[in-house]
C-alpha atoms as a PDB file:
ATOM      1  CA  UNK A   1     -12.879  -1.400  23.194  1.00  0.00           C
ATOM      2  CA  UNK A   2     -11.134  -2.831  20.126  1.00  0.00           C
ATOM      3  CA  UNK A   3      -7.962  -1.366  18.659  1.00  0.00           C
ATOM      4  CA  UNK A   4      -7.613  -1.467  14.873  1.00  0.00           C
ATOM      5  CA  UNK A   5      -4.473  -1.497  12.740  1.00  0.00           C
ATOM      6  CA  UNK A   6      -5.082  -0.618   9.093  1.00  0.00           C
ATOM      7  CA  UNK A   7      -2.467  -1.749   6.590  1.00  0.00           C
ATOM      8  CA  UNK A   8      -1.892  -0.602   3.025  1.00  0.00           C
ATOM      9  CA  UNK A   9      -1.028  -3.294   0.458  1.00  0.00           C
ATOM     10  CA  UNK A  10       1.393  -2.230  -2.316  1.00  0.00           C
ATOM     11  CA  UNK A  11       4.652  -0.969  -0.851  1.00  0.00           C
ATOM     12  CA  UNK A  12       3.639  -1.846   2.708  1.00  0.00           C
ATOM     13  CA  UNK A  13       2.750  -5.543   2.982  1.00  0.00           C
ATOM     14  CA  UNK A  14       3.569  -6.433  -0.633  1.00  0.00           C
ATOM     15  CA  UNK A  15       7.119  -5.567  -1.640  1.00  0.00           C
ATOM     16  CA  UNK A  16       8.982  -5.791  -4.931  1.00  0.00           C
ATOM     17  CA  UNK A  17       8.775  -4.133  -8.339  1.00  0.00           C
ATOM     18  CA  UNK A  18       7.114  -7.093 -10.057  1.00  0.00           C
ATOM     19  CA  UNK A  19       3.555  -5.687 -10.067  1.00  0.00           C
ATOM     20  CA  UNK A  20       4.838  -2.260 -11.088  1.00  0.00           C
ATOM     21  CA  UNK A  21       6.739  -3.563 -14.098  1.00  0.00           C
ATOM     22  CA  UNK A  22       3.752  -5.727 -15.019  1.00  0.00           C
ATOM     23  CA  UNK A  23       1.622  -2.570 -14.966  1.00  0.00           C
ATOM     24  CA  UNK A  24       4.044  -0.729 -17.253  1.00  0.00           C
ATOM     25  CA  UNK A  25       4.183  -3.689 -19.654  1.00  0.00           C
ATOM     26  CA  UNK A  26       0.408  -4.097 -19.739  1.00  0.00           C
ATOM     27  CA  UNK A  27      -0.207  -0.390 -20.331  1.00  0.00           C
ATOM     28  CA  UNK A  28       2.345  -0.443 -23.148  1.00  0.00           C
ATOM     29  CA  UNK A  29       0.637  -3.480 -24.696  1.00  0.00           C
ATOM     30  CA  UNK A  30      -2.839  -1.966 -24.475  1.00  0.00           C
ATOM     31  CA  UNK A  31      -1.899   1.507 -25.706  1.00  0.00           C
ATOM     32  CA  UNK A  32       0.487   0.454 -28.462  1.00  0.00           C
ATOM     33  CA  UNK A  33       2.383   3.761 -28.254  1.00  0.00           C
ATOM     34  CA  UNK A  34       5.839   3.642 -29.902  1.00  0.00           C
ATOM     35  CA  UNK A  35       8.673   4.077 -27.420  1.00  0.00           C
ATOM     36  CA  UNK A  36       6.397   3.589 -24.385  1.00  0.00           C
ATOM     37  CA  UNK A  37       8.541   0.861 -22.818  1.00  0.00           C
ATOM     38  CA  UNK A  38      11.633   3.055 -22.828  1.00  0.00           C
ATOM     39  CA  UNK A  39       9.664   6.041 -21.498  1.00  0.00           C
ATOM     40  CA  UNK A  40       8.261   4.020 -18.605  1.00  0.00           C
ATOM     41  CA  UNK A  41      11.677   2.605 -17.764  1.00  0.00           C
ATOM     42  CA  UNK A  42      13.164   6.109 -17.734  1.00  0.00           C
ATOM     43  CA  UNK A  43      10.363   7.415 -15.516  1.00  0.00           C
ATOM     44  CA  UNK A  44      10.808   4.558 -13.055  1.00  0.00           C
ATOM     45  CA  UNK A  45      14.549   5.164 -12.966  1.00  0.00           C
ATOM     46  CA  UNK A  46      13.932   8.834 -12.170  1.00  0.00           C
ATOM     47  CA  UNK A  47      11.494   7.868  -9.432  1.00  0.00           C
ATOM     48  CA  UNK A  48      13.960   5.406  -7.884  1.00  0.00           C
ATOM     49  CA  UNK A  49      16.557   8.192  -7.918  1.00  0.00           C
ATOM     50  CA  UNK A  50      14.164  10.450  -6.010  1.00  0.00           C
ATOM     51  CA  UNK A  51      13.467  12.625  -9.025  1.00  0.00           C
ATOM     52  CA  UNK A  52      10.323  13.534 -10.945  1.00  0.00           C
ATOM     53  CA  UNK A  53       8.082  14.301  -7.985  1.00  0.00           C
ATOM     54  CA  UNK A  54       6.099  11.097  -8.460  1.00  0.00           C
ATOM     55  CA  UNK A  55       3.912   9.801  -5.638  1.00  0.00           C
ATOM     56  CA  UNK A  56       5.105   6.250  -6.295  1.00  0.00           C
ATOM     57  CA  UNK A  57       6.125   4.028  -9.188  1.00  0.00           C
ATOM     58  CA  UNK A  58       2.546   3.592 -10.364  1.00  0.00           C
ATOM     59  CA  UNK A  59       2.175   7.348 -10.559  1.00  0.00           C
ATOM     60  CA  UNK A  60       5.410   7.544 -12.572  1.00  0.00           C
ATOM     61  CA  UNK A  61       4.036   5.116 -15.167  1.00  0.00           C
ATOM     62  CA  UNK A  62       0.610   6.751 -15.161  1.00  0.00           C
ATOM     63  CA  UNK A  63       1.900  10.277 -15.651  1.00  0.00           C
ATOM     64  CA  UNK A  64       4.324   9.193 -18.358  1.00  0.00           C
ATOM     65  CA  UNK A  65       1.531   7.370 -20.173  1.00  0.00           C
ATOM     66  CA  UNK A  66      -0.720  10.427 -20.046  1.00  0.00           C
ATOM     67  CA  UNK A  67       2.142  12.590 -21.356  1.00  0.00           C
ATOM     68  CA  UNK A  68       2.453  10.136 -24.270  1.00  0.00           C
ATOM     69  CA  UNK A  69      -1.226  10.567 -25.048  1.00  0.00           C
ATOM     70  CA  UNK A  70      -2.455   7.278 -23.607  1.00  0.00           C
ATOM     71  CA  UNK A  71      -6.166   7.510 -22.860  1.00  0.00           C
ATOM     72  CA  UNK A  72      -7.338   7.031 -19.246  1.00  0.00           C
ATOM     73  CA  UNK A  73      -9.445   4.003 -20.188  1.00  0.00           C
ATOM     74  CA  UNK A  74      -6.373   2.338 -21.703  1.00  0.00           C
ATOM     75  CA  UNK A  75      -4.492   3.030 -18.475  1.00  0.00           C
ATOM     76  CA  UNK A  76      -7.274   1.402 -16.477  1.00  0.00           C
ATOM     77  CA  UNK A  77      -7.383  -1.616 -18.774  1.00  0.00           C
ATOM     78  CA  UNK A  78      -3.631  -2.010 -18.456  1.00  0.00           C
ATOM     79  CA  UNK A  79      -3.867  -1.817 -14.684  1.00  0.00           C
ATOM     80  CA  UNK A  80      -6.617  -4.437 -14.496  1.00  0.00           C
ATOM     81  CA  UNK A  81      -4.628  -6.739 -16.798  1.00  0.00           C
ATOM     82  CA  UNK A  82      -1.576  -6.344 -14.586  1.00  0.00           C
ATOM     83  CA  UNK A  83      -3.535  -7.209 -11.440  1.00  0.00           C
ATOM     84  CA  UNK A  84      -4.540 -10.494 -13.042  1.00  0.00           C
ATOM     85  CA  UNK A  85      -0.806 -11.328 -12.923  1.00  0.00           C
ATOM     86  CA  UNK A  86      -0.377 -10.324  -9.261  1.00  0.00           C
ATOM     87  CA  UNK A  87       1.789 -12.648  -7.168  1.00  0.00           C
ATOM     88  CA  UNK A  88       2.544 -14.830 -10.186  1.00  0.00           C
ATOM     89  CA  UNK A  89       5.826 -15.240 -12.078  1.00  0.00           C
ATOM     90  CA  UNK A  90       5.180 -12.106 -14.170  1.00  0.00           C
ATOM     91  CA  UNK A  91       4.373  -9.918 -11.149  1.00  0.00           C
ATOM     92  CA  UNK A  92       6.127 -11.460  -8.135  1.00  0.00           C
ATOM     93  CA  UNK A  93       5.812 -10.011  -4.647  1.00  0.00           C
ATOM     94  CA  UNK A  94       7.511 -10.666  -1.328  1.00  0.00           C
ATOM     95  CA  UNK A  95       6.588  -9.856   2.268  1.00  0.00           C
ATOM     96  CA  UNK A  96       8.653  -7.810   4.699  1.00  0.00           C
ATOM     97  CA  UNK A  97      10.843 -10.130   6.751  1.00  0.00           C
ATOM     98  CA  UNK A  98       8.910 -11.960   9.467  1.00  0.00           C
ATOM     99  CA  UNK A  99       5.542 -10.572   8.401  1.00  0.00           C
ATOM    100  CA  UNK A 100       3.431 -13.620   9.227  1.00  0.00           C
ATOM    101  CA  UNK A 101       4.777 -13.972  12.760  1.00  0.00           C
ATOM    102  CA  UNK A 102       4.423 -10.229  13.348  1.00  0.00           C
ATOM    103  CA  UNK A 103       0.787 -10.219  12.255  1.00  0.00           C
ATOM    104  CA  UNK A 104       0.045 -13.262  14.406  1.00  0.00           C
ATOM    105  CA  UNK A 105       1.397 -11.475  17.474  1.00  0.00           C
ATOM    106  CA  UNK A 106      -0.360  -8.241  16.582  1.00  0.00           C
ATOM    107  CA  UNK A 107      -3.709  -9.998  16.109  1.00  0.00           C
ATOM    108  CA  UNK A 108      -3.702 -10.824  19.818  1.00  0.00           C
ATOM    109  CA  UNK A 109      -4.196  -7.123  20.569  1.00  0.00           C
ATOM    110  CA  UNK A 110      -5.967  -5.565  17.575  1.00  0.00           C
ATOM    111  CA  UNK A 111      -8.265  -6.096  14.641  1.00  0.00           C
ATOM    112  CA  UNK A 112      -6.172  -6.153  11.475  1.00  0.00           C
ATOM    113  CA  UNK A 113      -7.636  -4.628   8.327  1.00  0.00           C
ATOM    114  CA  UNK A 114      -6.154  -4.370   4.836  1.00  0.00           C
ATOM    115  CA  UNK A 115      -7.280  -1.306   2.874  1.00  0.00           C
ATOM    116  CA  UNK A 116      -6.170  -1.108  -0.743  1.00  0.00           C
ATOM    117  CA  UNK A 117      -7.142   0.712  -3.905  1.00  0.00           C
ATOM    118  CA  UNK A 118      -6.475  -2.480  -5.824  1.00  0.00           C
ATOM    119  CA  UNK A 119      -9.548  -4.249  -7.195  1.00  0.00           C
ATOM    120  CA  UNK A 120     -10.333  -7.685  -5.738  1.00  0.00           C
ATOM    121  CA  UNK A 121      -8.282  -9.457  -8.393  1.00  0.00           C
ATOM    122  CA  UNK A 122      -5.864 -12.073  -7.004  1.00  0.00           C
ATOM    123  CA  UNK A 123      -5.707 -10.270  -3.663  1.00  0.00           C
ATOM    124  CA  UNK A 124      -6.574 -13.475  -1.813  1.00  0.00           C
ATOM    125  CA  UNK A 125      -3.808 -15.335  -3.643  1.00  0.00           C
ATOM    126  CA  UNK A 126      -1.366 -12.508  -2.943  1.00  0.00           C
ATOM    127  CA  UNK A 127      -2.156 -12.486   0.767  1.00  0.00           C
ATOM    128  CA  UNK A 128      -1.556 -16.230   0.902  1.00  0.00           C
ATOM    129  CA  UNK A 129       1.838 -15.744  -0.771  1.00  0.00           C
ATOM    130  CA  UNK A 130       2.688 -13.049   1.777  1.00  0.00           C
ATOM    131  CA  UNK A 131       1.633 -15.191   4.734  1.00  0.00           C
ATOM    132  CA  UNK A 132      -0.838 -12.492   5.785  1.00  0.00           C
ATOM    133  CA  UNK A 133      -4.155 -14.150   4.931  1.00  0.00           C
ATOM    134  CA  UNK A 134      -4.699 -16.085   8.197  1.00  0.00           C
ATOM    135  CA  UNK A 135      -4.221 -12.987  10.338  1.00  0.00           C
ATOM    136  CA  UNK A 136      -6.376 -10.338   8.648  1.00  0.00           C
ATOM    137  CA  UNK A 137      -9.873  -9.773   9.997  1.00  0.00           C
ATOM    138  CA  UNK A 138     -11.061  -7.813   6.985  1.00  0.00           C
ATOM    139  CA  UNK A 139      -9.910  -6.889   3.476  1.00  0.00           C
ATOM    140  CA  UNK A 140     -11.240  -3.754   1.776  1.00  0.00           C
ATOM    141  CA  UNK A 141     -10.481  -3.545  -1.962  1.00  0.00           C
ATOM    142  CA  UNK A 142     -11.199  -0.692  -4.389  1.00  0.00           C
ATOM    143  CA  UNK A 143     -11.108   1.604  -1.354  1.00  0.00           C
ATOM    144  CA  UNK A 144     -10.746   4.819  -3.343  1.00  0.00           C
ATOM    145  CA  UNK A 145      -7.999   6.267  -1.141  1.00  0.00           C
ATOM    146  CA  UNK A 146      -7.550   8.994  -0.162  1.00  0.00           C
ATOM    147  CA  UNK A 147     -11.220  10.002  -0.407  1.00  0.00           C
ATOM    148  CA  UNK A 148     -12.459   6.631   0.809  1.00  0.00           C
ATOM    149  CA  UNK A 149     -10.149   6.498   3.803  1.00  0.00           C
ATOM    150  CA  UNK A 150     -11.892   8.859   6.282  1.00  0.00           C
ATOM    151  CA  UNK A 151     -15.113   6.820   6.444  1.00  0.00           C
ATOM    152  CA  UNK A 152     -13.179   3.612   7.141  1.00  0.00           C
ATOM    153  CA  UNK A 153     -11.079   5.246   9.851  1.00  0.00           C
ATOM    154  CA  UNK A 154     -14.050   7.000  11.421  1.00  0.00           C
ATOM    155  CA  UNK A 155     -15.943   3.710  11.632  1.00  0.00           C
ATOM    156  CA  UNK A 156     -12.994   1.964  13.292  1.00  0.00           C
ATOM    157  CA  UNK A 157     -12.581   4.844  15.751  1.00  0.00           C
ATOM    158  CA  UNK A 158     -16.087   4.191  17.072  1.00  0.00           C
ATOM    159  CA  UNK A 159     -14.744   0.885  18.435  1.00  0.00           C
ATOM    160  CA  UNK A 160     -11.376   2.059  19.737  1.00  0.00           C
ATOM    161  CA  UNK A 161      -7.963   3.506  18.842  1.00  0.00           C
ATOM    162  CA  UNK A 162      -6.727   3.244  15.254  1.00  0.00           C
ATOM    163  CA  UNK A 163      -3.246   3.030  13.737  1.00  0.00           C
ATOM    164  CA  UNK A 164      -2.882   3.390   9.967  1.00  0.00           C
ATOM    165  CA  UNK A 165       0.261   1.966   8.343  1.00  0.00           C
ATOM    166  CA  UNK A 166       1.292   2.825   4.789  1.00  0.00           C
ATOM    167  CA  UNK A 167       3.876   4.189   2.391  1.00  0.00           C
ATOM    168  CA  UNK A 168       2.007   7.148   0.857  1.00  0.00           C
ATOM    169  CA  UNK A 169       1.307   9.910   3.349  1.00  0.00           C
ATOM    170  CA  UNK A 170      -1.458  11.639   1.404  1.00  0.00           C
ATOM    171  CA  UNK A 171      -3.339   8.396   0.765  1.00  0.00           C
ATOM    172  CA  UNK A 172      -2.722   6.173   3.782  1.00  0.00           C
ATOM    173  CA  UNK A 173      -1.826   8.454   6.657  1.00  0.00           C
ATOM    174  CA  UNK A 174      -2.994  12.057   6.354  1.00  0.00           C
ATOM    175  CA  UNK A 175      -6.725  11.185   6.213  1.00  0.00           C
ATOM    176  CA  UNK A 176      -6.285   9.028   9.327  1.00  0.00           C
ATOM    177  CA  UNK A 177      -4.232  11.615  11.217  1.00  0.00           C
ATOM    178  CA  UNK A 178      -6.854  14.247  10.464  1.00  0.00           C
ATOM    179  CA  UNK A 179      -9.369  12.160  12.426  1.00  0.00           C
ATOM    180  CA  UNK A 180      -7.047  11.626  15.374  1.00  0.00           C
ATOM    181  CA  UNK A 181      -5.698   8.182  14.492  1.00  0.00           C
ATOM    182  CA  UNK A 182      -2.065   7.198  15.003  1.00  0.00           C
ATOM    183  CA  UNK A 183       0.045   6.770  11.881  1.00  0.00           C
ATOM    184  CA  UNK A 184       3.091   4.786  10.785  1.00  0.00           C
ATOM    185  CA  UNK A 185       4.996   5.719   7.629  1.00  0.00           C
ATOM    186  CA  UNK A 186       7.115   3.090   5.898  1.00  0.00           C
ATOM    187  CA  UNK A 187       9.134   3.002   2.702  1.00  0.00           C
ATOM    188  CA  UNK A 188      11.583   5.327   0.949  1.00  0.00           C
ATOM    189  CA  UNK A 189       9.550   8.491   1.637  1.00  0.00           C
ATOM    190  CA  UNK A 190       9.152   7.818   5.362  1.00  0.00           C
ATOM    191  CA  UNK A 191      11.952  10.134   6.467  1.00  0.00           C
ATOM    192  CA  UNK A 192      10.398  13.078   4.639  1.00  0.00           C
ATOM    193  CA  UNK A 193       7.159  12.763   6.638  1.00  0.00           C
ATOM    194  CA  UNK A 194       8.593  11.518   9.939  1.00  0.00           C
ATOM    195  CA  UNK A 195       7.673  14.807  11.633  1.00  0.00           C
ATOM    196  CA  UNK A 196       4.037  14.370  10.590  1.00  0.00           C
ATOM    197  CA  UNK A 197       3.425  10.808  11.808  1.00  0.00           C
ATOM    198  CA  UNK A 198       3.457   8.798  15.029  1.00  0.00           C
ATOM    199  CA  UNK A 199       6.293   6.536  13.880  1.00  0.00           C
ATOM    200  CA  UNK A 200       8.356   6.073  10.727  1.00  0.00           C
ATOM    201  CA  UNK A 201      10.988   3.757   9.257  1.00  0.00           C
ATOM    202  CA  UNK A 202      12.263   2.845   5.780  1.00  0.00           C
ATOM    203  CA  UNK A 203      11.196  -0.787   6.311  1.00  0.00           C
ATOM    204  CA  UNK A 204       8.174  -2.181   8.151  1.00  0.00           C
ATOM    205  CA  UNK A 205      10.160  -4.712  10.249  1.00  0.00           C
ATOM    206  CA  UNK A 206      11.910  -1.811  11.981  1.00  0.00           C
ATOM    207  CA  UNK A 207       8.497  -0.806  13.359  1.00  0.00           C
ATOM    208  CA  UNK A 208       7.266  -4.228  14.465  1.00  0.00           C
ATOM    209  CA  UNK A 209       8.120  -3.580  18.111  1.00  0.00           C
ATOM    210  CA  UNK A 210       6.626  -0.081  18.153  1.00  0.00           C
ATOM    211  CA  UNK A 211       3.421  -1.219  16.434  1.00  0.00           C
ATOM    212  CA  UNK A 212       3.010  -4.142  18.818  1.00  0.00           C
ATOM    213  CA  UNK A 213       3.606  -1.849  21.799  1.00  0.00           C
ATOM    214  CA  UNK A 214       1.013   0.616  20.470  1.00  0.00           C
ATOM    215  CA  UNK A 215      -1.548  -2.158  20.002  1.00  0.00           C
ATOM    216  CA  UNK A 216      -0.933  -3.663  23.439  1.00  0.00           C
ATOM    217  CA  UNK A 217      -1.335  -0.263  25.088  1.00  0.00           C
ATOM    218  CA  UNK A 218      -4.388   0.604  22.995  1.00  0.00           C
ATOM    219  CA  UNK A 219      -6.138  -2.688  23.737  1.00  0.00           C
ATOM    220  CA  UNK A 220      -5.556  -2.252  27.485  1.00  0.00           C
ATOM    221  CA  UNK A 221      -7.562   0.999  27.576  1.00  0.00           C
ATOM    222  CA  UNK A 222     -11.055   0.572  29.003  1.00  0.00           C
END
């Protein structure tokens, strides 16, 4: 029996607003809509204040762009351009404190899998920057969450218990919980869904001990 811990990327292992602001800038450059920069900045400010009902910062930019008449293909082009900047000076990222050591300990008890909707553009470089690359057993890009999540979780469940860790309940956690997997919510919205998940905290390091304990217990089941 092999336990599996599935991690989300943006907002979970990769922290910081660098990629988000790169996305807004690239969409503005592609679309060429007057006043777009100010509109995106205002939307992000509303999101950071807990207003607007946005799923995350990317959703805030996306919805604002659509409201401005930006075509979906321009949004996609802007996103792809921004991912080419990932983990560089124009889209910096940082790991949660102690991430590398945590993953090294966790890997003793579970298979570690990254599942992200991001395309495979500079993901390897980003994982090196985060100190996560040596500890991940598998990386799944362009996962199509939430619709793509159930198949991945179901496959892992055939080998043993599963814990899914992420910052967006509907994308990272609800599909896993529906199949009987454990769930860990992190990030600013974690308190709002704490009653729906196995564990929750505003920052991933606060859950290191609980996640390690879950993995140790799960791997001991035979």
